[in-house]
Amino acid sequence: MGLSRSVRVAAAAAAVTVAPLLAVAATAGSANAAYVGCSVAVSSTSLVPGQSASVDAEGNCFAPGTAVTVAIESTPVVVATGTSAGDGSFSASFVVPTSLPLGDHTLVLSGTNLLGHPQVLSVSITLVASAAEAAASSSGSGVLAFTGQNSGTWLAIAAALMALGAALTVSLRRRRSTRAAA
C-alpha cells in the first residue's frame, strides 16, 4: 500500500511538472508557424564596394509597419533603414560602402516579429574587387565544379582486365582438365 501511494504521488508530481512545459512548447510552436514562408534574397551575393544592391524579405518576416535596419556585418555598418509593409515583407536598396574590406560578410536585417520580439534575418555575401569577379561568381550555372578525376576510363580498364582474367582462368581450367583426361 505504501509503495502504490508513493507511485501515485510521483506520477502526480510529474504531471504537474510536465504540463507547464507542454504549454510553453505549444506556444513556441504556434509562434514559429507565423514565420513559415519568410525568405530573404539579395540582388547578388558577390558585390563590389560602391555598387548599388537591393535586398528583399518576403512573407511574414516582420510585424507590419515596423522599423527594419539593414547592416553589413563583420564590421557593422548600417546601409539602409525602412518600414515593413502590411504583409510583413520588406525591400530596400543600398550602396555597398567602400570602407569595408574585401571578403566574406553577412547582410543582416533587424526588426520586430509578429509577437513584438526582435527578428534578425541574414544572408551571406562576398565583397570582391571588380565587377568581372562579381559577375563570374554570381552567374554560376548551378553545376558543381569538376575537381576530381574522370573515373569512368579507369572503371572500363578495370572491367576489361577482370574479363581478361576470367577468360584466362577458364582457359587454364579447360587445358588442365583435358590433360588430366588424357
Protein backbone atom coordinates (compact mmCIF):
# COMPACT_ATOMS: atom_id res chain seq x y z
CA MET A 1 0.00 0.00 0.00
CA GLY A 2 2.86 2.41 0.83
CA LEU A 3 4.56 1.66 -2.46
CA SER A 4 1.41 2.27 -4.51
CA ARG A 5 0.79 5.60 -2.73
CA SER A 6 4.35 6.80 -3.44
CA VAL A 7 3.96 5.84 -7.11
CA ARG A 8 0.71 7.85 -7.33
CA VAL A 9 2.37 10.87 -5.66
CA ALA A 10 5.37 10.65 -8.03
CA ALA A 11 3.06 10.42 -11.05
CA ALA A 12 1.04 13.45 -9.90
CA ALA A 13 4.24 15.45 -9.35
CA ALA A 14 5.48 14.53 -12.83
CA ALA A 15 2.17 15.65 -14.37
CA VAL A 16 2.35 19.00 -12.57
CA THR A 17 5.96 19.48 -13.75
CA VAL A 18 5.37 18.43 -17.37
CA ALA A 19 2.08 20.26 -18.00
CA PRO A 20 3.57 23.79 -17.96
CA LEU A 21 6.42 22.63 -20.21
CA LEU A 22 3.94 21.29 -22.76
CA ALA A 23 2.04 24.59 -22.71
CA VAL A 24 5.26 26.54 -23.35
CA ALA A 25 6.21 24.18 -26.21
CA ALA A 26 2.77 24.58 -27.80
CA THR A 27 3.03 28.39 -27.59
CA ALA A 28 6.53 28.37 -29.12
CA GLY A 29 5.38 26.08 -31.92
CA SER A 30 2.48 28.35 -32.86
CA ALA A 31 4.74 31.41 -32.78
CA ASN A 32 7.22 29.82 -35.17
CA ALA A 33 4.43 28.82 -37.54
CA ALA A 34 3.89 32.51 -38.34
CA TYR A 35 7.34 32.67 -40.00
CA VAL A 36 6.89 29.80 -42.41
CA GLY A 37 7.41 31.16 -45.91
CA CYS A 38 9.68 34.04 -44.89
CA SER A 39 12.58 34.32 -47.33
CA VAL A 40 15.40 36.80 -47.83
CA ALA A 41 17.14 37.49 -51.15
CA VAL A 42 19.84 39.92 -52.17
CA SER A 43 20.31 41.14 -55.77
CA SER A 44 23.74 39.46 -55.87
CA THR A 45 25.78 37.55 -53.31
CA SER A 46 29.02 38.90 -54.83
CA LEU A 47 29.20 42.66 -54.57
CA VAL A 48 31.75 45.35 -55.38
CA PRO A 49 32.31 48.21 -52.90
CA GLY A 50 30.48 51.27 -54.25
CA GLN A 51 27.95 49.12 -56.15
CA SER A 52 24.18 49.53 -55.70
CA ALA A 53 22.30 46.45 -54.50
CA SER A 54 18.90 45.51 -53.13
CA VAL A 55 17.53 43.14 -50.51
CA ASP A 56 14.01 41.69 -50.27
CA ALA A 57 12.38 39.90 -47.34
CA GLU A 58 9.14 38.25 -48.42
CA GLY A 59 6.44 36.63 -46.30
CA ASN A 60 5.59 37.27 -42.65
CA CYS A 61 9.16 38.25 -41.84
CA PHE A 62 8.37 41.32 -39.74
CA ALA A 63 5.38 42.79 -37.97
CA PRO A 64 3.51 45.16 -40.34
CA GLY A 65 4.64 48.79 -40.19
CA THR A 66 7.71 48.25 -38.00
CA ALA A 67 11.18 49.70 -38.47
CA VAL A 68 13.74 47.46 -40.22
CA THR A 69 17.50 48.10 -40.31
CA VAL A 70 19.84 46.62 -42.93
CA ALA A 71 23.51 46.31 -41.96
CA ILE A 72 26.62 44.62 -43.33
CA GLU A 73 28.36 42.82 -40.51
CA SER A 74 31.82 41.75 -39.70
CA THR A 75 32.39 45.48 -39.32
CA PRO A 76 28.80 46.54 -38.57
CA VAL A 77 27.75 49.28 -40.98
CA VAL A 78 24.11 50.29 -41.39
CA VAL A 79 23.39 50.56 -45.13
CA ALA A 80 19.58 51.09 -45.14
CA THR A 81 16.56 51.59 -42.93
CA GLY A 82 12.87 51.42 -43.67
CA THR A 83 9.44 50.21 -42.63
CA SER A 84 7.97 46.77 -43.28
CA ALA A 85 4.89 46.50 -45.48
CA GLY A 86 1.41 45.49 -44.34
CA ASP A 87 2.09 41.82 -45.17
CA GLY A 88 5.36 41.76 -43.18
CA SER A 89 7.63 41.96 -46.22
CA PHE A 90 10.47 44.47 -46.64
CA SER A 91 12.55 45.78 -49.55
CA ALA A 92 15.47 48.20 -49.60
CA SER A 93 18.17 49.44 -51.94
CA PHE A 94 21.62 50.35 -50.69
CA VAL A 95 25.15 51.16 -51.80
CA VAL A 96 27.94 48.88 -50.58
CA PRO A 97 30.33 51.03 -48.50
CA THR A 98 33.82 51.41 -49.97
CA SER A 99 35.26 51.34 -46.44
CA LEU A 100 34.53 47.63 -46.00
CA PRO A 101 37.34 45.10 -46.61
CA LEU A 102 37.02 42.55 -49.40
CA GLY A 103 35.95 39.06 -48.40
CA ASP A 104 33.04 37.33 -46.71
CA HIS A 105 30.42 39.37 -44.83
CA THR A 106 26.85 38.97 -43.60
CA LEU A 107 23.95 41.18 -44.66
CA VAL A 108 21.64 41.42 -41.63
CA LEU A 109 18.03 42.63 -41.49
CA SER A 110 16.83 43.53 -37.98
CA GLY A 111 13.28 44.37 -36.97
CA THR A 112 10.36 43.19 -34.86
CA ASN A 113 8.39 39.97 -35.38
CA LEU A 114 4.61 39.50 -35.09
CA LEU A 115 4.90 38.82 -31.34
CA GLY A 116 6.84 42.04 -30.71
CA HIS A 117 10.18 40.26 -30.25
CA PRO A 118 13.42 41.09 -32.11
CA GLN A 119 13.64 39.43 -35.53
CA VAL A 120 17.04 39.04 -37.23
CA LEU A 121 17.44 37.64 -40.76
CA SER A 122 20.76 37.25 -42.58
CA VAL A 123 22.30 36.46 -45.96
CA SER A 124 25.97 35.69 -46.67
CA ILE A 125 27.65 37.99 -49.18
CA THR A 126 31.17 38.38 -50.56
CA LEU A 127 32.81 41.69 -51.42
CA VAL A 128 35.07 41.39 -54.47
CA ALA A 129 37.47 43.80 -56.14
CA SER A 130 35.92 44.10 -59.59
CA ALA A 131 32.63 43.79 -61.42
CA ALA A 132 34.15 40.97 -63.52
CA GLU A 133 34.80 38.93 -60.36
CA ALA A 134 31.28 39.63 -59.12
CA ALA A 135 29.74 38.54 -62.43
CA ALA A 136 31.88 35.40 -62.57
CA SER A 137 30.99 34.29 -59.06
CA SER A 138 27.29 35.30 -59.24
CA SER A 139 26.48 33.86 -62.63
CA GLY A 140 27.20 30.24 -61.81
CA SER A 141 25.35 27.61 -63.79
CA GLY A 142 24.24 25.79 -60.65
CA VAL A 143 26.56 22.89 -61.55
CA LEU A 144 29.36 21.89 -59.20
CA ALA A 145 32.88 22.42 -60.44
CA PHE A 146 34.75 19.33 -61.66
CA THR A 147 37.51 18.91 -59.08
CA GLY A 148 38.32 15.24 -59.39
CA GLN A 149 39.40 12.74 -61.97
CA ASN A 150 37.32 11.04 -64.64
CA SER A 151 36.95 7.59 -63.09
CA GLY A 152 34.90 6.20 -66.00
CA THR A 153 38.04 5.41 -68.00
CA TRP A 154 39.62 3.62 -65.05
CA LEU A 155 36.44 1.64 -64.41
CA ALA A 156 36.37 0.49 -68.07
CA ILE A 157 40.02 -0.60 -67.88
CA ALA A 158 39.36 -2.47 -64.61
CA ALA A 159 36.33 -4.24 -66.13
CA ALA A 160 38.38 -5.25 -69.20
CA LEU A 161 41.18 -6.64 -67.01
CA MET A 162 38.64 -8.59 -64.92
CA ALA A 163 37.12 -10.07 -68.09
CA LEU A 164 40.61 -11.00 -69.38
CA GLY A 165 41.44 -12.63 -66.02
CA ALA A 166 38.18 -14.63 -66.10
CA ALA A 167 38.86 -15.77 -69.66
CA LEU A 168 42.42 -16.88 -68.77
CA THR A 169 41.13 -18.76 -65.71
CA VAL A 170 38.54 -20.64 -67.79
CA SER A 171 41.16 -21.41 -70.46
CA LEU A 172 43.65 -22.77 -67.89
CA ARG A 173 40.99 -24.94 -66.24
CA ARG A 174 39.97 -26.43 -69.61
CA ARG A 175 43.59 -27.11 -70.50
CA ARG A 176 44.19 -28.84 -67.14
CA SER A 177 41.02 -30.91 -67.44
CA THR A 178 41.95 -32.11 -70.97
CA ARG A 179 45.47 -33.05 -69.78
CA ALA A 180 44.07 -34.89 -66.77
CA ALA A 181 41.62 -36.80 -69.01
CA ALA A 182 44.36 -37.86 -71.41
